[in-house]
Amino acid sequence: TYSKALAMLLDGAMLIGTNHDRILA
């Protein structure tokens, strides 16, 4: 799944992460 997302991003899609939490309790 990560590799599929990467292919679309390298093809020009814009990356939008919902949040940048490093860890969760």
mmCIF file of all heavy atoms, coordinates in Angstrom:
data_MODEL
# 
_entry.id   MODEL 
# 
loop_
_atom_site.group_PDB 
_atom_site.id 
_atom_site.type_symbol 
_atom_site.label_atom_id 
_atom_site.label_alt_id 
_atom_site.label_comp_id 
_atom_site.label_asym_id 
_atom_site.label_entity_id 
_atom_site.label_seq_id 
_atom_site.pdbx_PDB_ins_code 
_atom_site.Cartn_x 
_atom_site.Cartn_y 
_atom_site.Cartn_z 
_atom_site.occupancy 
_atom_site.B_iso_or_equiv 
_atom_site.pdbx_formal_charge 
_atom_site.auth_seq_id 
_atom_site.auth_comp_id 
_atom_site.auth_asym_id 
_atom_site.auth_atom_id 
_atom_site.pdbx_PDB_model_num 
ATOM 1   N N   . THR A 1 1  ? 0.835  -1.205 0.000   1.00 0.00 ? 1  THR A N   1 
ATOM 2   C CA  . THR A 1 1  ? 0.000  0.000  0.000   1.00 0.00 ? 1  THR A CA  1 
ATOM 3   C C   . THR A 1 1  ? 0.866  1.250  0.000   1.00 0.00 ? 1  THR A C   1 
ATOM 4   O O   . THR A 1 1  ? 0.600  2.214  -0.732  1.00 0.00 ? 1  THR A O   1 
ATOM 5   C CB  . THR A 1 1  ? -0.912 0.005  1.237   1.00 0.00 ? 1  THR A CB  1 
ATOM 6   O OG1 . THR A 1 1  ? -1.677 -1.205 1.262   1.00 0.00 ? 1  THR A OG1 1 
ATOM 7   C CG2 . THR A 1 1  ? -1.868 1.192  1.207   1.00 0.00 ? 1  THR A CG2 1 
ATOM 8   N N   . TYR A 1 2  ? 1.907  1.243  0.808   1.00 0.00 ? 2  TYR A N   1 
ATOM 9   C CA  . TYR A 1 2  ? 2.822  2.380  0.848   1.00 0.00 ? 2  TYR A CA  1 
ATOM 10  C C   . TYR A 1 2  ? 3.482  2.587  -0.516  1.00 0.00 ? 2  TYR A C   1 
ATOM 11  O O   . TYR A 1 2  ? 3.643  3.716  -0.986  1.00 0.00 ? 2  TYR A O   1 
ATOM 12  C CB  . TYR A 1 2  ? 3.897  2.171  1.907   1.00 0.00 ? 2  TYR A CB  1 
ATOM 13  C CG  . TYR A 1 2  ? 3.409  2.229  3.338   1.00 0.00 ? 2  TYR A CG  1 
ATOM 14  C CD1 . TYR A 1 2  ? 4.212  1.786  4.377   1.00 0.00 ? 2  TYR A CD1 1 
ATOM 15  C CD2 . TYR A 1 2  ? 2.137  2.720  3.659   1.00 0.00 ? 2  TYR A CD2 1 
ATOM 16  C CE1 . TYR A 1 2  ? 3.785  1.842  5.694   1.00 0.00 ? 2  TYR A CE1 1 
ATOM 17  C CE2 . TYR A 1 2  ? 1.700  2.770  4.969   1.00 0.00 ? 2  TYR A CE2 1 
ATOM 18  C CZ  . TYR A 1 2  ? 2.525  2.328  5.979   1.00 0.00 ? 2  TYR A CZ  1 
ATOM 19  O OH  . TYR A 1 2  ? 2.097  2.380  7.285   1.00 0.00 ? 2  TYR A OH  1 
ATOM 20  N N   . SER A 1 3  ? 3.863  1.501  -1.162  1.00 0.00 ? 3  SER A N   1 
ATOM 21  C CA  . SER A 1 3  ? 4.526  1.607  -2.464  1.00 0.00 ? 3  SER A CA  1 
ATOM 22  C C   . SER A 1 3  ? 3.573  2.135  -3.531  1.00 0.00 ? 3  SER A C   1 
ATOM 23  O O   . SER A 1 3  ? 3.974  2.898  -4.419  1.00 0.00 ? 3  SER A O   1 
ATOM 24  C CB  . SER A 1 3  ? 5.085  0.240  -2.875  1.00 0.00 ? 3  SER A CB  1 
ATOM 25  O OG  . SER A 1 3  ? 6.081  -0.177 -1.969  1.00 0.00 ? 3  SER A OG  1 
ATOM 26  N N   . LYS A 1 4  ? 2.316  1.752  -3.461  1.00 0.00 ? 4  LYS A N   1 
ATOM 27  C CA  . LYS A 1 4  ? 1.324  2.264  -4.406  1.00 0.00 ? 4  LYS A CA  1 
ATOM 28  C C   . LYS A 1 4  ? 1.142  3.761  -4.214  1.00 0.00 ? 4  LYS A C   1 
ATOM 29  O O   . LYS A 1 4  ? 1.091  4.528  -5.200  1.00 0.00 ? 4  LYS A O   1 
ATOM 30  C CB  . LYS A 1 4  ? -0.014 1.539  -4.213  1.00 0.00 ? 4  LYS A CB  1 
ATOM 31  C CG  . LYS A 1 4  ? -1.104 1.990  -5.183  1.00 0.00 ? 4  LYS A CG  1 
ATOM 32  C CD  . LYS A 1 4  ? -2.361 1.146  -5.028  1.00 0.00 ? 4  LYS A CD  1 
ATOM 33  C CE  . LYS A 1 4  ? -3.433 1.591  -6.020  1.00 0.00 ? 4  LYS A CE  1 
ATOM 34  N NZ  . LYS A 1 4  ? -4.653 0.733  -5.928  1.00 0.00 ? 4  LYS A NZ  1 
ATOM 35  N N   . ALA A 1 5  ? 1.056  4.198  -2.969  1.00 0.00 ? 5  ALA A N   1 
ATOM 36  C CA  . ALA A 1 5  ? 0.940  5.632  -2.697  1.00 0.00 ? 5  ALA A CA  1 
ATOM 37  C C   . ALA A 1 5  ? 2.164  6.378  -3.214  1.00 0.00 ? 5  ALA A C   1 
ATOM 38  O O   . ALA A 1 5  ? 2.053  7.462  -3.797  1.00 0.00 ? 5  ALA A O   1 
ATOM 39  C CB  . ALA A 1 5  ? 0.770  5.863  -1.197  1.00 0.00 ? 5  ALA A CB  1 
ATOM 40  N N   . LEU A 1 6  ? 3.344  5.801  -3.000  1.00 0.00 ? 6  LEU A N   1 
ATOM 41  C CA  . LEU A 1 6  ? 4.570  6.445  -3.459  1.00 0.00 ? 6  LEU A CA  1 
ATOM 42  C C   . LEU A 1 6  ? 4.558  6.634  -4.976  1.00 0.00 ? 6  LEU A C   1 
ATOM 43  O O   . LEU A 1 6  ? 4.955  7.695  -5.479  1.00 0.00 ? 6  LEU A O   1 
ATOM 44  C CB  . LEU A 1 6  ? 5.780  5.605  -3.049  1.00 0.00 ? 6  LEU A CB  1 
ATOM 45  C CG  . LEU A 1 6  ? 7.131  6.125  -3.540  1.00 0.00 ? 6  LEU A CG  1 
ATOM 46  C CD1 . LEU A 1 6  ? 7.440  7.498  -2.963  1.00 0.00 ? 6  LEU A CD1 1 
ATOM 47  C CD2 . LEU A 1 6  ? 8.233  5.129  -3.206  1.00 0.00 ? 6  LEU A CD2 1 
ATOM 48  N N   . ALA A 1 7  ? 4.088  5.639  -5.715  1.00 0.00 ? 7  ALA A N   1 
ATOM 49  C CA  . ALA A 1 7  ? 4.049  5.738  -7.173  1.00 0.00 ? 7  ALA A CA  1 
ATOM 50  C C   . ALA A 1 7  ? 3.179  6.917  -7.621  1.00 0.00 ? 7  ALA A C   1 
ATOM 51  O O   . ALA A 1 7  ? 3.547  7.656  -8.542  1.00 0.00 ? 7  ALA A O   1 
ATOM 52  C CB  . ALA A 1 7  ? 3.524  4.434  -7.772  1.00 0.00 ? 7  ALA A CB  1 
ATOM 53  N N   . MET A 1 8  ? 2.053  7.123  -6.966  1.00 0.00 ? 8  MET A N   1 
ATOM 54  C CA  . MET A 1 8  ? 1.172  8.234  -7.330  1.00 0.00 ? 8  MET A CA  1 
ATOM 55  C C   . MET A 1 8  ? 1.807  9.575  -6.969  1.00 0.00 ? 8  MET A C   1 
ATOM 56  O O   . MET A 1 8  ? 1.672  10.551 -7.713  1.00 0.00 ? 8  MET A O   1 
ATOM 57  C CB  . MET A 1 8  ? -0.179 8.078  -6.620  1.00 0.00 ? 8  MET A CB  1 
ATOM 58  C CG  . MET A 1 8  ? -0.945 6.850  -7.045  1.00 0.00 ? 8  MET A CG  1 
ATOM 59  S SD  . MET A 1 8  ? -2.461 6.669  -6.083  1.00 0.00 ? 8  MET A SD  1 
ATOM 60  C CE  . MET A 1 8  ? -2.768 4.918  -6.320  1.00 0.00 ? 8  MET A CE  1 
ATOM 61  N N   . LEU A 1 9  ? 2.486  9.614  -5.857  1.00 0.00 ? 9  LEU A N   1 
ATOM 62  C CA  . LEU A 1 9  ? 3.161  10.854 -5.454  1.00 0.00 ? 9  LEU A CA  1 
ATOM 63  C C   . LEU A 1 9  ? 4.285  11.199 -6.419  1.00 0.00 ? 9  LEU A C   1 
ATOM 64  O O   . LEU A 1 9  ? 4.455  12.360 -6.805  1.00 0.00 ? 9  LEU A O   1 
ATOM 65  C CB  . LEU A 1 9  ? 3.702  10.712 -4.023  1.00 0.00 ? 9  LEU A CB  1 
ATOM 66  C CG  . LEU A 1 9  ? 2.637  10.639 -2.932  1.00 0.00 ? 9  LEU A CG  1 
ATOM 67  C CD1 . LEU A 1 9  ? 3.238  10.148 -1.627  1.00 0.00 ? 9  LEU A CD1 1 
ATOM 68  C CD2 . LEU A 1 9  ? 1.983  12.010 -2.738  1.00 0.00 ? 9  LEU A CD2 1 
ATOM 69  N N   . LEU A 1 10 ? 5.037  10.206 -6.836  1.00 0.00 ? 10 LEU A N   1 
ATOM 70  C CA  . LEU A 1 10 ? 6.122  10.444 -7.793  1.00 0.00 ? 10 LEU A CA  1 
ATOM 71  C C   . LEU A 1 10 ? 5.576  10.810 -9.168  1.00 0.00 ? 10 LEU A C   1 
ATOM 72  O O   . LEU A 1 10 ? 6.276  11.432 -9.976  1.00 0.00 ? 10 LEU A O   1 
ATOM 73  C CB  . LEU A 1 10 ? 7.021  9.207  -7.883  1.00 0.00 ? 10 LEU A CB  1 
ATOM 74  C CG  . LEU A 1 10 ? 7.811  8.873  -6.606  1.00 0.00 ? 10 LEU A CG  1 
ATOM 75  C CD1 . LEU A 1 10 ? 8.596  7.572  -6.800  1.00 0.00 ? 10 LEU A CD1 1 
ATOM 76  C CD2 . LEU A 1 10 ? 8.742  10.016 -6.230  1.00 0.00 ? 10 LEU A CD2 1 
ATOM 77  N N   . ASP A 1 11 ? 4.319  10.442 -9.423  1.00 0.00 ? 11 ASP A N   1 
ATOM 78  C CA  . ASP A 1 11 ? 3.667  10.782 -10.688 1.00 0.00 ? 11 ASP A CA  1 
ATOM 79  C C   . ASP A 1 11 ? 3.055  12.181 -10.671 1.00 0.00 ? 11 ASP A C   1 
ATOM 80  O O   . ASP A 1 11 ? 2.464  12.623 -11.650 1.00 0.00 ? 11 ASP A O   1 
ATOM 81  C CB  . ASP A 1 11 ? 2.580  9.740  -10.993 1.00 0.00 ? 11 ASP A CB  1 
ATOM 82  C CG  . ASP A 1 11 ? 2.036  9.848  -12.411 1.00 0.00 ? 11 ASP A CG  1 
ATOM 83  O OD1 . ASP A 1 11 ? 2.846  10.017 -13.350 1.00 0.00 ? 11 ASP A OD1 1 
ATOM 84  O OD2 . ASP A 1 11 ? 0.800  9.783  -12.570 1.00 0.00 ? 11 ASP A OD2 1 
ATOM 85  N N   . GLY A 1 12 ? 3.163  12.868 -9.535  1.00 0.00 ? 12 GLY A N   1 
ATOM 86  C CA  . GLY A 1 12 ? 2.704  14.259 -9.500  1.00 0.00 ? 12 GLY A CA  1 
ATOM 87  C C   . GLY A 1 12 ? 1.630  14.597 -8.497  1.00 0.00 ? 12 GLY A C   1 
ATOM 88  O O   . GLY A 1 12 ? 1.277  15.769 -8.347  1.00 0.00 ? 12 GLY A O   1 
ATOM 89  N N   . ALA A 1 13 ? 1.061  13.595 -7.814  1.00 0.00 ? 13 ALA A N   1 
ATOM 90  C CA  . ALA A 1 13 ? 0.044  13.885 -6.799  1.00 0.00 ? 13 ALA A CA  1 
ATOM 91  C C   . ALA A 1 13 ? 0.685  14.634 -5.629  1.00 0.00 ? 13 ALA A C   1 
ATOM 92  O O   . ALA A 1 13 ? 1.853  14.444 -5.309  1.00 0.00 ? 13 ALA A O   1 
ATOM 93  C CB  . ALA A 1 13 ? -0.603 12.601 -6.317  1.00 0.00 ? 13 ALA A CB  1 
ATOM 94  N N   . MET A 1 14 ? -0.104 15.476 -4.987  1.00 0.00 ? 14 MET A N   1 
ATOM 95  C CA  . MET A 1 14 ? 0.362  16.223 -3.822  1.00 0.00 ? 14 MET A CA  1 
ATOM 96  C C   . MET A 1 14 ? 0.143  15.408 -2.552  1.00 0.00 ? 14 MET A C   1 
ATOM 97  O O   . MET A 1 14 ? -0.923 14.835 -2.348  1.00 0.00 ? 14 MET A O   1 
ATOM 98  C CB  . MET A 1 14 ? -0.395 17.547 -3.717  1.00 0.00 ? 14 MET A CB  1 
ATOM 99  C CG  . MET A 1 14 ? 0.011  18.394 -2.531  1.00 0.00 ? 14 MET A CG  1 
ATOM 100 S SD  . MET A 1 14 ? -0.913 19.973 -2.485  1.00 0.00 ? 14 MET A SD  1 
ATOM 101 C CE  . MET A 1 14 ? -0.323 20.648 -0.917  1.00 0.00 ? 14 MET A CE  1 
ATOM 102 N N   . LEU A 1 15 ? 1.163  15.338 -1.722  1.00 0.00 ? 15 LEU A N   1 
ATOM 103 C CA  . LEU A 1 15 ? 1.085  14.636 -0.449  1.00 0.00 ? 15 LEU A CA  1 
ATOM 104 C C   . LEU A 1 15 ? 0.377  15.504 0.590   1.00 0.00 ? 15 LEU A C   1 
ATOM 105 O O   . LEU A 1 15 ? 0.757  16.657 0.808   1.00 0.00 ? 15 LEU A O   1 
ATOM 106 C CB  . LEU A 1 15 ? 2.506  14.311 0.036   1.00 0.00 ? 15 LEU A CB  1 
ATOM 107 C CG  . LEU A 1 15 ? 2.645  13.755 1.453   1.00 0.00 ? 15 LEU A CG  1 
ATOM 108 C CD1 . LEU A 1 15 ? 1.973  12.385 1.562   1.00 0.00 ? 15 LEU A CD1 1 
ATOM 109 C CD2 . LEU A 1 15 ? 4.125  13.661 1.843   1.00 0.00 ? 15 LEU A CD2 1 
ATOM 110 N N   . ILE A 1 16 ? -0.648 14.937 1.225   1.00 0.00 ? 16 ILE A N   1 
ATOM 111 C CA  . ILE A 1 16 ? -1.322 15.631 2.327   1.00 0.00 ? 16 ILE A CA  1 
ATOM 112 C C   . ILE A 1 16 ? -1.486 14.652 3.482   1.00 0.00 ? 16 ILE A C   1 
ATOM 113 O O   . ILE A 1 16 ? -2.313 13.743 3.435   1.00 0.00 ? 16 ILE A O   1 
ATOM 114 C CB  . ILE A 1 16 ? -2.692 16.194 1.912   1.00 0.00 ? 16 ILE A CB  1 
ATOM 115 C CG1 . ILE A 1 16 ? -2.522 17.235 0.788   1.00 0.00 ? 16 ILE A CG1 1 
ATOM 116 C CG2 . ILE A 1 16 ? -3.399 16.820 3.111   1.00 0.00 ? 16 ILE A CG2 1 
ATOM 117 C CD1 . ILE A 1 16 ? -3.781 17.946 0.393   1.00 0.00 ? 16 ILE A CD1 1 
ATOM 118 N N   . GLY A 1 17 ? -0.667 14.845 4.505   1.00 0.00 ? 17 GLY A N   1 
ATOM 119 C CA  . GLY A 1 17 ? -0.794 14.050 5.714   1.00 0.00 ? 17 GLY A CA  1 
ATOM 120 C C   . GLY A 1 17 ? -1.781 14.703 6.656   1.00 0.00 ? 17 GLY A C   1 
ATOM 121 O O   . GLY A 1 17 ? -1.767 15.927 6.838   1.00 0.00 ? 17 GLY A O   1 
ATOM 122 N N   . THR A 1 18 ? -2.631 13.910 7.265   1.00 0.00 ? 18 THR A N   1 
ATOM 123 C CA  . THR A 1 18 ? -3.638 14.497 8.151   1.00 0.00 ? 18 THR A CA  1 
ATOM 124 C C   . THR A 1 18 ? -3.014 15.062 9.421   1.00 0.00 ? 18 THR A C   1 
ATOM 125 O O   . THR A 1 18 ? -3.522 16.025 9.990   1.00 0.00 ? 18 THR A O   1 
ATOM 126 C CB  . THR A 1 18 ? -4.700 13.462 8.543   1.00 0.00 ? 18 THR A CB  1 
ATOM 127 O OG1 . THR A 1 18 ? -4.076 12.372 9.237   1.00 0.00 ? 18 THR A OG1 1 
ATOM 128 C CG2 . THR A 1 18 ? -5.433 12.933 7.323   1.00 0.00 ? 18 THR A CG2 1 
ATOM 129 N N   . ASN A 1 19 ? -1.921 14.468 9.879   1.00 0.00 ? 19 ASN A N   1 
ATOM 130 C CA  . ASN A 1 19 ? -1.307 14.912 11.138  1.00 0.00 ? 19 ASN A CA  1 
ATOM 131 C C   . ASN A 1 19 ? 0.097  14.332 11.253  1.00 0.00 ? 19 ASN A C   1 
ATOM 132 O O   . ASN A 1 19 ? 0.466  13.406 10.524  1.00 0.00 ? 19 ASN A O   1 
ATOM 133 C CB  . ASN A 1 19 ? -2.148 14.482 12.338  1.00 0.00 ? 19 ASN A CB  1 
ATOM 134 C CG  . ASN A 1 19 ? -2.276 12.977 12.465  1.00 0.00 ? 19 ASN A CG  1 
ATOM 135 O OD1 . ASN A 1 19 ? -2.886 12.325 11.621  1.00 0.00 ? 19 ASN A OD1 1 
ATOM 136 N ND2 . ASN A 1 19 ? -1.689 12.422 13.496  1.00 0.00 ? 19 ASN A ND2 1 
ATOM 137 N N   . HIS A 1 20 ? 0.865  14.898 12.182  1.00 0.00 ? 20 HIS A N   1 
ATOM 138 C CA  . HIS A 1 20 ? 2.267  14.507 12.338  1.00 0.00 ? 20 HIS A CA  1 
ATOM 139 C C   . HIS A 1 20 ? 2.576  13.953 13.738  1.00 0.00 ? 20 HIS A C   1 
ATOM 140 O O   . HIS A 1 20 ? 3.698  14.092 14.229  1.00 0.00 ? 20 HIS A O   1 
ATOM 141 C CB  . HIS A 1 20 ? 3.173  15.700 12.021  1.00 0.00 ? 20 HIS A CB  1 
ATOM 142 C CG  . HIS A 1 20 ? 3.385  15.919 10.555  1.00 0.00 ? 20 HIS A CG  1 
ATOM 143 N ND1 . HIS A 1 20 ? 2.389  16.387 9.714   1.00 0.00 ? 20 HIS A ND1 1 
ATOM 144 C CD2 . HIS A 1 20 ? 4.472  15.724 9.762   1.00 0.00 ? 20 HIS A CD2 1 
ATOM 145 C CE1 . HIS A 1 20 ? 2.854  16.469 8.484   1.00 0.00 ? 20 HIS A CE1 1 
ATOM 146 N NE2 . HIS A 1 20 ? 4.112  16.087 8.485   1.00 0.00 ? 20 HIS A NE2 1 
ATOM 147 N N   . ASP A 1 21 ? 1.617  13.290 14.372  1.00 0.00 ? 21 ASP A N   1 
ATOM 148 C CA  . ASP A 1 21 ? 1.890  12.646 15.657  1.00 0.00 ? 21 ASP A CA  1 
ATOM 149 C C   . ASP A 1 21 ? 2.981  11.584 15.490  1.00 0.00 ? 21 ASP A C   1 
ATOM 150 O O   . ASP A 1 21 ? 2.858  10.692 14.649  1.00 0.00 ? 21 ASP A O   1 
ATOM 151 C CB  . ASP A 1 21 ? 0.643  11.934 16.193  1.00 0.00 ? 21 ASP A CB  1 
ATOM 152 C CG  . ASP A 1 21 ? -0.484 12.880 16.545  1.00 0.00 ? 21 ASP A CG  1 
ATOM 153 O OD1 . ASP A 1 21 ? -0.853 13.689 15.684  1.00 0.00 ? 21 ASP A OD1 1 
ATOM 154 O OD2 . ASP A 1 21 ? -0.987 12.792 17.675  1.00 0.00 ? 21 ASP A OD2 1 
ATOM 155 N N   . ARG A 1 22 ? 4.011  11.652 16.331  1.00 0.00 ? 22 ARG A N   1 
ATOM 156 C CA  . ARG A 1 22 ? 5.080  10.659 16.245  1.00 0.00 ? 22 ARG A CA  1 
ATOM 157 C C   . ARG A 1 22 ? 4.661  9.333  16.865  1.00 0.00 ? 22 ARG A C   1 
ATOM 158 O O   . ARG A 1 22 ? 4.937  8.262  16.319  1.00 0.00 ? 22 ARG A O   1 
ATOM 159 C CB  . ARG A 1 22 ? 6.349  11.182 16.936  1.00 0.00 ? 22 ARG A CB  1 
ATOM 160 C CG  . ARG A 1 22 ? 6.960  12.382 16.243  1.00 0.00 ? 22 ARG A CG  1 
ATOM 161 C CD  . ARG A 1 22 ? 8.285  12.801 16.872  1.00 0.00 ? 22 ARG A CD  1 
ATOM 162 N NE  . ARG A 1 22 ? 8.095  13.226 18.263  1.00 0.00 ? 22 ARG A NE  1 
ATOM 163 C CZ  . ARG A 1 22 ? 8.500  12.537 19.323  1.00 0.00 ? 22 ARG A CZ  1 
ATOM 164 N NH1 . ARG A 1 22 ? 9.103  11.370 19.159  1.00 0.00 ? 22 ARG A NH1 1 
ATOM 165 N NH2 . ARG A 1 22 ? 8.298  12.995 20.554  1.00 0.00 ? 22 ARG A NH2 1 
ATOM 166 N N   . ILE A 1 23 ? 4.015  9.397  18.041  1.00 0.00 ? 23 ILE A N   1 
ATOM 167 C CA  . ILE A 1 23 ? 3.592  8.191  18.743  1.00 0.00 ? 23 ILE A CA  1 
ATOM 168 C C   . ILE A 1 23 ? 2.195  8.384  19.304  1.00 0.00 ? 23 ILE A C   1 
ATOM 169 O O   . ILE A 1 23 ? 1.721  9.507  19.457  1.00 0.00 ? 23 ILE A O   1 
ATOM 170 C CB  . ILE A 1 23 ? 4.555  7.808  19.890  1.00 0.00 ? 23 ILE A CB  1 
ATOM 171 C CG1 . ILE A 1 23 ? 4.649  8.945  20.934  1.00 0.00 ? 23 ILE A CG1 1 
ATOM 172 C CG2 . ILE A 1 23 ? 5.933  7.463  19.331  1.00 0.00 ? 23 ILE A CG2 1 
ATOM 173 C CD1 . ILE A 1 23 ? 5.487  8.586  22.143  1.00 0.00 ? 23 ILE A CD1 1 
ATOM 174 N N   . LEU A 1 24 ? 1.545  7.268  19.604  1.00 0.00 ? 24 LEU A N   1 
ATOM 175 C CA  . LEU A 1 24 ? 0.218  7.273  20.219  1.00 0.00 ? 24 LEU A CA  1 
ATOM 176 C C   . LEU A 1 24 ? 0.253  6.440  21.499  1.00 0.00 ? 24 LEU A C   1 
ATOM 177 O O   . LEU A 1 24 ? 0.930  5.403  21.555  1.00 0.00 ? 24 LEU A O   1 
ATOM 178 C CB  . LEU A 1 24 ? -0.827 6.670  19.273  1.00 0.00 ? 24 LEU A CB  1 
ATOM 179 C CG  . LEU A 1 24 ? -1.117 7.400  17.963  1.00 0.00 ? 24 LEU A CG  1 
ATOM 180 C CD1 . LEU A 1 24 ? -2.083 6.562  17.125  1.00 0.00 ? 24 LEU A CD1 1 
ATOM 181 C CD2 . LEU A 1 24 ? -1.693 8.771  18.227  1.00 0.00 ? 24 LEU A CD2 1 
ATOM 182 N N   . ALA A 1 25 ? -0.474 6.888  22.507  1.00 0.00 ? 25 ALA A N   1 
ATOM 183 C CA  . ALA A 1 25 ? -0.593 6.106  23.737  1.00 0.00 ? 25 ALA A CA  1 
ATOM 184 C C   . ALA A 1 25 ? -1.536 4.934  23.526  1.00 0.00 ? 25 ALA A C   1 
ATOM 185 O O   . ALA A 1 25 ? -2.560 5.044  22.856  1.00 0.00 ? 25 ALA A O   1 
ATOM 186 C CB  . ALA A 1 25 ? -1.109 7.000  24.867  1.00 0.00 ? 25 ALA A CB  1 
# 
